[in-house]
PDB file of all heavy atoms in Angstrom:
ATOM      1  N   ILE A   1     -22.933 228.280  96.427  1.00  0.00           N
ATOM      2  CA  ILE A   1     -23.945 229.282  95.993  1.00  0.00           C
ATOM      3  C   ILE A   1     -24.219 230.258  97.110  1.00  0.00           C
ATOM      4  O   ILE A   1     -24.286 231.481  96.944  1.00  0.00           O
ATOM      5  CB  ILE A   1     -25.254 228.555  95.676  1.00  0.00           C
ATOM      6  CG1 ILE A   1     -25.048 227.772  94.344  1.00  0.00           C
ATOM      7  CG2 ILE A   1     -26.385 229.489  95.391  1.00  0.00           C
ATOM      8  CD1 ILE A   1     -26.133 226.625  94.002  1.00  0.00           C
ATOM      9  N   GLY A   2     -24.284 229.752  98.413  1.00  0.00           N
ATOM     10  CA  GLY A   2     -24.507 230.609  99.557  1.00  0.00           C
ATOM     11  C   GLY A   2     -23.340 231.613  99.761  1.00  0.00           C
ATOM     12  O   GLY A   2     -23.462 232.767 100.159  1.00  0.00           O
ATOM     13  N   ILE A   3     -22.100 231.133  99.548  1.00  0.00           N
ATOM     14  CA  ILE A   3     -20.995 231.922  99.620  1.00  0.00           C
ATOM     15  C   ILE A   3     -20.969 233.026  98.553  1.00  0.00           C
ATOM     16  O   ILE A   3     -20.637 234.190  98.781  1.00  0.00           O
ATOM     17  CB  ILE A   3     -19.657 231.132  99.459  1.00  0.00           C
ATOM     18  CG1 ILE A   3     -19.513 230.260 100.748  1.00  0.00           C
ATOM     19  CG2 ILE A   3     -18.429 232.097  99.348  1.00  0.00           C
ATOM     20  CD1 ILE A   3     -18.508 229.189 100.555  1.00  0.00           C
ATOM     21  N   ALA A   4     -21.404 232.664  97.263  1.00  0.00           N
ATOM     22  CA  ALA A   4     -21.375 233.624  96.237  1.00  0.00           C
ATOM     23  C   ALA A   4     -22.525 234.808  96.582  1.00  0.00           C
ATOM     24  O   ALA A   4     -22.278 235.930  96.344  1.00  0.00           O
ATOM     25  CB  ALA A   4     -21.865 232.940  94.955  1.00  0.00           C
ATOM     26  N   ARG A   5     -23.675 234.306  97.184  1.00  0.00           N
ATOM     27  CA  ARG A   5     -24.599 235.343  97.662  1.00  0.00           C
ATOM     28  C   ARG A   5     -24.018 236.226  98.649  1.00  0.00           C
ATOM     29  O   ARG A   5     -24.308 237.498  98.618  1.00  0.00           O
ATOM     30  CB  ARG A   5     -25.881 234.595  98.218  1.00  0.00           C
ATOM     31  CG  ARG A   5     -26.952 235.506  98.849  1.00  0.00           C
ATOM     32  CD  ARG A   5     -28.115 234.733  99.296  1.00  0.00           C
ATOM     33  NE  ARG A   5     -27.688 233.875 100.395  1.00  0.00           N
ATOM     34  CZ  ARG A   5     -28.509 232.991 100.949  1.00  0.00           C
ATOM     35  NH1 ARG A   5     -29.726 232.861 100.503  1.00  0.00           N
ATOM     36  NH2 ARG A   5     -28.066 232.071 101.902  1.00  0.00           N
ATOM     37  N   ALA A   6     -23.318 235.732  99.620  1.00  0.00           N
ATOM     38  CA  ALA A   6     -22.650 236.524 100.608  1.00  0.00           C
ATOM     39  C   ALA A   6     -21.685 237.556 100.144  1.00  0.00           C
ATOM     40  O   ALA A   6     -21.522 238.642 100.635  1.00  0.00           O
ATOM     41  CB  ALA A   6     -21.914 235.602 101.712  1.00  0.00           C
ATOM     42  N   LEU A   7     -21.027 237.192  99.012  1.00  0.00           N
ATOM     43  CA  LEU A   7     -20.091 238.109  98.436  1.00  0.00           C
ATOM     44  C   LEU A   7     -20.671 239.227  97.440  1.00  0.00           C
ATOM     45  O   LEU A   7     -19.955 240.070  96.914  1.00  0.00           O
ATOM     46  CB  LEU A   7     -19.138 237.284  97.566  1.00  0.00           C
ATOM     47  CG  LEU A   7     -18.156 236.352  98.284  1.00  0.00           C
ATOM     48  CD1 LEU A   7     -17.303 235.540  97.407  1.00  0.00           C
ATOM     49  CD2 LEU A   7     -17.180 237.175  99.237  1.00  0.00           C
ATOM     50  N   ALA A   8     -22.023 239.108  97.173  1.00  0.00           N
ATOM     51  CA  ALA A   8     -22.687 239.867  96.101  1.00  0.00           C
ATOM     52  C   ALA A   8     -22.411 241.337  96.300  1.00  0.00           C
ATOM     53  O   ALA A   8     -22.174 242.070  95.328  1.00  0.00           O
ATOM     54  CB  ALA A   8     -24.018 239.571  95.998  1.00  0.00           C
ATOM     55  N   LEU A   9     -22.439 241.830  97.535  1.00  0.00           N
ATOM     56  CA  LEU A   9     -22.318 243.239  97.768  1.00  0.00           C
ATOM     57  C   LEU A   9     -20.904 243.620  98.150  1.00  0.00           C
ATOM     58  O   LEU A   9     -20.648 244.773  98.590  1.00  0.00           O
ATOM     59  CB  LEU A   9     -23.316 243.653  98.992  1.00  0.00           C
ATOM     60  CG  LEU A   9     -24.748 243.495  98.698  1.00  0.00           C
ATOM     61  CD1 LEU A   9     -25.581 243.589  99.928  1.00  0.00           C
ATOM     62  CD2 LEU A   9     -25.193 244.614  97.627  1.00  0.00           C
ATOM     63  N   ARG A  10     -19.997 242.766  97.938  1.00  0.00           N
ATOM     64  CA  ARG A  10     -18.524 242.932  98.160  1.00  0.00           C
ATOM     65  C   ARG A  10     -18.306 243.409  99.569  1.00  0.00           C
ATOM     66  O   ARG A  10     -17.705 244.547  99.762  1.00  0.00           O
ATOM     67  CB  ARG A  10     -18.072 243.964  97.183  1.00  0.00           C
ATOM     68  CG  ARG A  10     -18.044 243.361  95.757  1.00  0.00           C
ATOM     69  CD  ARG A  10     -17.525 244.268  94.707  1.00  0.00           C
ATOM     70  NE  ARG A  10     -17.631 243.571  93.282  1.00  0.00           N
ATOM     71  CZ  ARG A  10     -17.436 244.142  92.125  1.00  0.00           C
ATOM     72  NH1 ARG A  10     -17.050 245.376  92.123  1.00  0.00           N
ATOM     73  NH2 ARG A  10     -17.535 243.450  91.152  1.00  0.00           N
ATOM     74  N   PRO A  11     -18.569 242.629 100.537  1.00  0.00           N
ATOM     75  CA  PRO A  11     -18.569 243.061 101.989  1.00  0.00           C
ATOM     76  C   PRO A  11     -17.069 242.997 102.403  1.00  0.00           C
ATOM     77  O   PRO A  11     -16.181 242.404 101.769  1.00  0.00           O
ATOM     78  CB  PRO A  11     -19.247 241.864 102.721  1.00  0.00           C
ATOM     79  CG  PRO A  11     -19.129 240.733 101.821  1.00  0.00           C
ATOM     80  CD  PRO A  11     -19.140 241.264 100.478  1.00  0.00           C
ATOM     81  N   LYS A  12     -16.900 243.676 103.496  1.00  0.00           N
ATOM     82  CA  LYS A  12     -15.489 243.705 104.154  1.00  0.00           C
ATOM     83  C   LYS A  12     -15.367 242.554 105.219  1.00  0.00           C
ATOM     84  O   LYS A  12     -14.302 242.006 105.416  1.00  0.00           O
ATOM     85  CB  LYS A  12     -15.255 245.070 104.756  1.00  0.00           C
ATOM     86  CG  LYS A  12     -15.207 246.166 103.870  1.00  0.00           C
ATOM     87  CD  LYS A  12     -14.810 247.525 104.722  1.00  0.00           C
ATOM     88  CE  LYS A  12     -14.618 248.665 103.662  1.00  0.00           C
ATOM     89  NZ  LYS A  12     -15.825 248.989 102.898  1.00  0.00           N
ATOM     90  N   PHE A  13     -16.528 242.142 105.809  1.00  0.00           N
ATOM     91  CA  PHE A  13     -16.502 241.251 107.027  1.00  0.00           C
ATOM     92  C   PHE A  13     -17.548 240.199 106.771  1.00  0.00           C
ATOM     93  O   PHE A  13     -18.739 240.515 106.382  1.00  0.00           O
ATOM     94  CB  PHE A  13     -16.749 242.055 108.231  1.00  0.00           C
ATOM     95  CG  PHE A  13     -16.913 241.203 109.522  1.00  0.00           C
ATOM     96  CD1 PHE A  13     -15.883 240.465 109.975  1.00  0.00           C
ATOM     97  CD2 PHE A  13     -18.173 241.197 110.204  1.00  0.00           C
ATOM     98  CE1 PHE A  13     -16.005 239.695 111.066  1.00  0.00           C
ATOM     99  CE2 PHE A  13     -18.346 240.513 111.337  1.00  0.00           C
ATOM    100  CZ  PHE A  13     -17.284 239.756 111.743  1.00  0.00           C
ATOM    101  N   ILE A  14     -17.151 238.905 106.983  1.00  0.00           N
ATOM    102  CA  ILE A  14     -18.148 237.814 106.925  1.00  0.00           C
ATOM    103  C   ILE A  14     -17.977 237.022 108.084  1.00  0.00           C
ATOM    104  O   ILE A  14     -16.869 236.489 108.553  1.00  0.00           O
ATOM    105  CB  ILE A  14     -17.789 237.022 105.676  1.00  0.00           C
ATOM    106  CG1 ILE A  14     -18.200 237.686 104.318  1.00  0.00           C
ATOM    107  CG2 ILE A  14     -18.549 235.634 105.725  1.00  0.00           C
ATOM    108  CD1 ILE A  14     -17.858 236.964 103.094  1.00  0.00           C
ATOM    109  N   VAL A  15     -19.178 236.652 108.650  1.00  0.00           N
ATOM    110  CA  VAL A  15     -19.221 235.647 109.720  1.00  0.00           C
ATOM    111  C   VAL A  15     -19.579 234.185 109.031  1.00  0.00           C
ATOM    112  O   VAL A  15     -20.620 234.155 108.381  1.00  0.00           O
ATOM    113  CB  VAL A  15     -20.320 236.001 110.793  1.00  0.00           C
ATOM    114  CG1 VAL A  15     -20.547 234.780 111.690  1.00  0.00           C
ATOM    115  CG2 VAL A  15     -20.011 237.178 111.524  1.00  0.00           C
ATOM    116  N   ALA A  16     -18.621 233.386 109.182  1.00  0.00           N
ATOM    117  CA  ALA A  16     -18.838 232.001 108.594  1.00  0.00           C
ATOM    118  C   ALA A  16     -19.300 231.126 109.774  1.00  0.00           C
ATOM    119  O   ALA A  16     -18.471 230.703 110.638  1.00  0.00           O
ATOM    120  CB  ALA A  16     -17.586 231.526 107.937  1.00  0.00           C
ATOM    121  N   ASP A  17     -20.587 230.780 109.874  1.00  0.00           N
ATOM    122  CA  ASP A  17     -21.151 230.116 111.075  1.00  0.00           C
ATOM    123  C   ASP A  17     -21.142 228.596 110.754  1.00  0.00           C
ATOM    124  O   ASP A  17     -22.178 228.091 110.215  1.00  0.00           O
ATOM    125  CB  ASP A  17     -22.565 230.593 111.360  1.00  0.00           C
ATOM    126  CG  ASP A  17     -23.001 230.141 112.659  1.00  0.00           C
ATOM    127  OD1 ASP A  17     -22.274 229.421 113.406  1.00  0.00           O
ATOM    128  OD2 ASP A  17     -24.202 230.380 113.023  1.00  0.00           O
ATOM    129  N   GLU A  18     -20.140 227.889 111.204  1.00  0.00           N
ATOM    130  CA  GLU A  18     -19.956 226.503 111.023  1.00  0.00           C
ATOM    131  C   GLU A  18     -20.299 226.062 109.564  1.00  0.00           C
ATOM    132  O   GLU A  18     -21.132 225.168 109.202  1.00  0.00           O
ATOM    133  CB  GLU A  18     -20.962 225.756 111.943  1.00  0.00           C
ATOM    134  CG  GLU A  18     -20.867 225.892 113.297  1.00  0.00           C
ATOM    135  CD  GLU A  18     -19.992 224.829 114.050  1.00  0.00           C
ATOM    136  OE1 GLU A  18     -19.286 224.050 113.303  1.00  0.00           O
ATOM    137  OE2 GLU A  18     -19.968 224.725 115.212  1.00  0.00           O
ATOM    138  N   PRO A  19     -19.569 226.644 108.602  1.00  0.00           N
ATOM    139  CA  PRO A  19     -19.923 226.448 107.186  1.00  0.00           C
ATOM    140  C   PRO A  19     -19.631 225.128 106.614  1.00  0.00           C
ATOM    141  O   PRO A  19     -20.037 224.798 105.506  1.00  0.00           O
ATOM    142  CB  PRO A  19     -19.176 227.476 106.496  1.00  0.00           C
ATOM    143  CG  PRO A  19     -18.023 227.761 107.365  1.00  0.00           C
ATOM    144  CD  PRO A  19     -18.468 227.580 108.774  1.00  0.00           C
ATOM    145  N   VAL A  20     -18.802 224.321 107.359  1.00  0.00           N
ATOM    146  CA  VAL A  20     -18.484 222.990 106.858  1.00  0.00           C
ATOM    147  C   VAL A  20     -19.039 221.863 107.720  1.00  0.00           C
ATOM    148  O   VAL A  20     -18.848 220.689 107.344  1.00  0.00           O
ATOM    149  CB  VAL A  20     -16.920 222.807 106.591  1.00  0.00           C
ATOM    150  CG1 VAL A  20     -16.518 223.816 105.633  1.00  0.00           C
ATOM    151  CG2 VAL A  20     -16.214 222.904 107.931  1.00  0.00           C
ATOM    152  N   SER A  21     -19.763 222.109 108.689  1.00  0.00           N
ATOM    153  CA  SER A  21     -20.095 221.082 109.687  1.00  0.00           C
ATOM    154  C   SER A  21     -21.197 220.076 109.106  1.00  0.00           C
ATOM    155  O   SER A  21     -21.287 219.077 109.595  1.00  0.00           O
ATOM    156  CB  SER A  21     -20.602 221.686 110.994  1.00  0.00           C
ATOM    157  OG  SER A  21     -21.713 222.482 110.832  1.00  0.00           O
ATOM    158  N   ALA A  22     -21.940 220.556 108.108  1.00  0.00           N
ATOM    159  CA  ALA A  22     -22.948 219.701 107.565  1.00  0.00           C
ATOM    160  C   ALA A  22     -22.497 218.998 106.290  1.00  0.00           C
ATOM    161  O   ALA A  22     -23.242 218.278 105.611  1.00  0.00           O
ATOM    162  CB  ALA A  22     -24.240 220.651 107.113  1.00  0.00           C
ATOM    163  N   LEU A  23     -21.200 219.111 106.007  1.00  0.00           N
ATOM    164  CA  LEU A  23     -20.665 218.503 104.794  1.00  0.00           C
ATOM    165  C   LEU A  23     -19.644 217.345 105.175  1.00  0.00           C
ATOM    166  O   LEU A  23     -19.041 217.386 106.316  1.00  0.00           O
ATOM    167  CB  LEU A  23     -19.856 219.597 103.988  1.00  0.00           C
ATOM    168  CG  LEU A  23     -20.617 220.825 103.587  1.00  0.00           C
ATOM    169  CD1 LEU A  23     -19.682 221.865 103.008  1.00  0.00           C
ATOM    170  CD2 LEU A  23     -21.756 220.471 102.688  1.00  0.00           C
ATOM    171  N   ASP A  24     -19.393 216.427 104.348  1.00  0.00           N
ATOM    172  CA  ASP A  24     -18.484 215.470 104.613  1.00  0.00           C
ATOM    173  C   ASP A  24     -17.045 215.948 104.565  1.00  0.00           C
ATOM    174  O   ASP A  24     -16.852 217.122 104.140  1.00  0.00           O
ATOM    175  CB  ASP A  24     -18.533 214.224 103.679  1.00  0.00           C
ATOM    176  CG  ASP A  24     -18.215 214.479 102.244  1.00  0.00           C
ATOM    177  OD1 ASP A  24     -17.192 215.210 101.940  1.00  0.00           O
ATOM    178  OD2 ASP A  24     -18.992 213.930 101.339  1.00  0.00           O
ATOM    179  N   VAL A  25     -16.060 215.257 105.123  1.00  0.00           N
ATOM    180  CA  VAL A  25     -14.719 215.805 105.248  1.00  0.00           C
ATOM    181  C   VAL A  25     -14.107 216.353 104.073  1.00  0.00           C
ATOM    182  O   VAL A  25     -13.519 217.457 104.050  1.00  0.00           O
ATOM    183  CB  VAL A  25     -13.887 214.898 105.964  1.00  0.00           C
ATOM    184  CG1 VAL A  25     -12.427 215.319 106.086  1.00  0.00           C
ATOM    185  CG2 VAL A  25     -14.387 214.500 107.413  1.00  0.00           C
ATOM    186  N   SER A  26     -14.151 215.640 102.978  1.00  0.00           N
ATOM    187  CA  SER A  26     -13.507 216.001 101.700  1.00  0.00           C
ATOM    188  C   SER A  26     -14.073 217.239 101.173  1.00  0.00           C
ATOM    189  O   SER A  26     -13.342 218.251 100.629  1.00  0.00           O
ATOM    190  CB  SER A  26     -13.381 214.873 100.712  1.00  0.00           C
ATOM    191  OG  SER A  26     -14.749 214.544 100.365  1.00  0.00           O
ATOM    192  N   VAL A  27     -15.401 217.280 101.106  1.00  0.00           N
ATOM    193  CA  VAL A  27     -16.113 218.482 100.590  1.00  0.00           C
ATOM    194  C   VAL A  27     -15.841 219.725 101.538  1.00  0.00           C
ATOM    195  O   VAL A  27     -15.640 220.823 101.060  1.00  0.00           O
ATOM    196  CB  VAL A  27     -17.639 218.230 100.417  1.00  0.00           C
ATOM    197  CG1 VAL A  27     -18.311 219.447  99.980  1.00  0.00           C
ATOM    198  CG2 VAL A  27     -17.849 217.074  99.362  1.00  0.00           C
ATOM    199  N   GLY A  28     -15.913 219.512 102.818  1.00  0.00           N
ATOM    200  CA  GLY A  28     -15.581 220.545 103.704  1.00  0.00           C
ATOM    201  C   GLY A  28     -14.220 221.134 103.542  1.00  0.00           C
ATOM    202  O   GLY A  28     -14.004 222.364 103.620  1.00  0.00           O
ATOM    203  N   ALA A  29     -13.364 220.242 103.234  1.00  0.00           N
ATOM    204  CA  ALA A  29     -11.935 220.761 103.030  1.00  0.00           C
ATOM    205  C   ALA A  29     -11.780 221.620 101.808  1.00  0.00           C
ATOM    206  O   ALA A  29     -11.113 222.582 101.724  1.00  0.00           O
ATOM    207  CB  ALA A  29     -10.935 219.530 102.824  1.00  0.00           C
ATOM    208  N   GLN A  30     -12.590 221.302 100.698  1.00  0.00           N
ATOM    209  CA  GLN A  30     -12.625 222.172  99.465  1.00  0.00           C
ATOM    210  C   GLN A  30     -13.261 223.495  99.944  1.00  0.00           C
ATOM    211  O   GLN A  30     -12.743 224.507  99.300  1.00  0.00           O
ATOM    212  CB  GLN A  30     -13.502 221.424  98.422  1.00  0.00           C
ATOM    213  CG  GLN A  30     -12.851 220.133  97.912  1.00  0.00           C
ATOM    214  CD  GLN A  30     -13.776 219.415  97.067  1.00  0.00           C
ATOM    215  OE1 GLN A  30     -14.763 219.912  96.574  1.00  0.00           O
ATOM    216  NE2 GLN A  30     -13.535 218.120  96.899  1.00  0.00           N
ATOM    217  N   ILE A  31     -14.259 223.482 100.738  1.00  0.00           N
ATOM    218  CA  ILE A  31     -14.874 224.754 101.112  1.00  0.00           C
ATOM    219  C   ILE A  31     -13.974 225.655 101.872  1.00  0.00           C
ATOM    220  O   ILE A  31     -13.847 226.894 101.671  1.00  0.00           O
ATOM    221  CB  ILE A  31     -16.271 224.540 101.801  1.00  0.00           C
ATOM    222  CG1 ILE A  31     -17.223 223.847 100.889  1.00  0.00           C
ATOM    223  CG2 ILE A  31     -16.778 225.883 102.288  1.00  0.00           C
ATOM    224  CD1 ILE A  31     -17.637 224.622  99.675  1.00  0.00           C
ATOM    225  N   VAL A  32     -13.220 225.061 102.860  1.00  0.00           N
ATOM    226  CA  VAL A  32     -12.235 225.880 103.589  1.00  0.00           C
ATOM    227  C   VAL A  32     -11.236 226.379 102.682  1.00  0.00           C
ATOM    228  O   VAL A  32     -10.722 227.554 102.917  1.00  0.00           O
ATOM    229  CB  VAL A  32     -11.611 224.844 104.593  1.00  0.00           C
ATOM    230  CG1 VAL A  32     -10.321 225.492 105.356  1.00  0.00           C
ATOM    231  CG2 VAL A  32     -12.638 224.587 105.772  1.00  0.00           C
ATOM    232  N   ASN A  33     -10.700 225.675 101.781  1.00  0.00           N
ATOM    233  CA  ASN A  33      -9.762 226.149 100.848  1.00  0.00           C
ATOM    234  C   ASN A  33     -10.233 227.293  99.996  1.00  0.00           C
ATOM    235  O   ASN A  33      -9.546 228.187  99.582  1.00  0.00           O
ATOM    236  CB  ASN A  33      -9.060 225.104 100.033  1.00  0.00           C
ATOM    237  CG  ASN A  33      -8.116 224.189 100.785  1.00  0.00           C
ATOM    238  OD1 ASN A  33      -7.229 224.719 101.467  1.00  0.00           O
ATOM    239  ND2 ASN A  33      -8.117 222.901 100.697  1.00  0.00           N
ATOM    240  N   LEU A  34     -11.499 227.106  99.573  1.00  0.00           N
ATOM    241  CA  LEU A  34     -12.138 228.148  98.778  1.00  0.00           C
ATOM    242  C   LEU A  34     -12.173 229.473  99.645  1.00  0.00           C
ATOM    243  O   LEU A  34     -12.026 230.576  99.074  1.00  0.00           O
ATOM    244  CB  LEU A  34     -13.555 227.700  98.441  1.00  0.00           C
ATOM    245  CG  LEU A  34     -14.422 228.861  97.739  1.00  0.00           C
ATOM    246  CD1 LEU A  34     -13.798 229.282  96.363  1.00  0.00           C
ATOM    247  CD2 LEU A  34     -15.816 228.292  97.617  1.00  0.00           C
ATOM    248  N   LEU A  35     -12.638 229.307 100.906  1.00  0.00           N
ATOM    249  CA  LEU A  35     -12.703 230.521 101.702  1.00  0.00           C
ATOM    250  C   LEU A  35     -11.309 231.259 101.858  1.00  0.00           C
ATOM    251  O   LEU A  35     -11.215 232.446 101.844  1.00  0.00           O
ATOM    252  CB  LEU A  35     -13.248 230.121 103.223  1.00  0.00           C
ATOM    253  CG  LEU A  35     -14.672 229.760 103.188  1.00  0.00           C
ATOM    254  CD1 LEU A  35     -15.029 229.173 104.622  1.00  0.00           C
ATOM    255  CD2 LEU A  35     -15.594 230.911 102.876  1.00  0.00           C
ATOM    256  N   GLN A  36     -10.281 230.498 101.977  1.00  0.00           N
ATOM    257  CA  GLN A  36      -8.909 231.023 101.959  1.00  0.00           C
ATOM    258  C   GLN A  36      -8.608 231.865 100.731  1.00  0.00           C
ATOM    259  O   GLN A  36      -8.092 232.977 100.709  1.00  0.00           O
ATOM    260  CB  GLN A  36      -7.851 229.994 102.199  1.00  0.00           C
ATOM    261  CG  GLN A  36      -7.687 229.508 103.662  1.00  0.00           C
ATOM    262  CD  GLN A  36      -6.404 228.690 103.691  1.00  0.00           C
ATOM    263  OE1 GLN A  36      -6.088 227.925 102.733  1.00  0.00           O
ATOM    264  NE2 GLN A  36      -5.666 228.838 104.862  1.00  0.00           N
ATOM    265  N   GLN A  37      -8.923 231.286  99.614  1.00  0.00           N
ATOM    266  CA  GLN A  37      -8.677 231.878  98.255  1.00  0.00           C
ATOM    267  C   GLN A  37      -9.506 233.136  98.124  1.00  0.00           C
ATOM    268  O   GLN A  37      -9.047 234.302  97.697  1.00  0.00           O
ATOM    269  CB  GLN A  37      -9.070 230.948  97.063  1.00  0.00           C
ATOM    270  CG  GLN A  37      -8.728 231.528  95.820  1.00  0.00           C
ATOM    271  CD  GLN A  37      -7.325 231.781  95.552  1.00  0.00           C
ATOM    272  OE1 GLN A  37      -6.508 230.981  95.798  1.00  0.00           O
ATOM    273  NE2 GLN A  37      -6.932 233.028  95.066  1.00  0.00           N
ATOM    274  N   LEU A  38     -10.776 233.086  98.575  1.00  0.00           N
ATOM    275  CA  LEU A  38     -11.683 234.209  98.493  1.00  0.00           C
ATOM    276  C   LEU A  38     -11.162 235.378  99.411  1.00  0.00           C
ATOM    277  O   LEU A  38     -11.295 236.559  99.059  1.00  0.00           O
ATOM    278  CB  LEU A  38     -13.143 233.916  98.787  1.00  0.00           C
ATOM    279  CG  LEU A  38     -13.762 233.028  97.804  1.00  0.00           C
ATOM    280  CD1 LEU A  38     -15.117 232.435  98.354  1.00  0.00           C
ATOM    281  CD2 LEU A  38     -13.964 233.636  96.461  1.00  0.00           C
TER     282      LEU A  38
END
């Protein structure tokens, strides 16, 4: 949801500040792959 909010204005540049450190490893891996796709 936070990533969707960051994309709302269709930015060119995003700072991802430790976006998976609060998540467990498997969920964090899904978020990393999502960031690649986006």
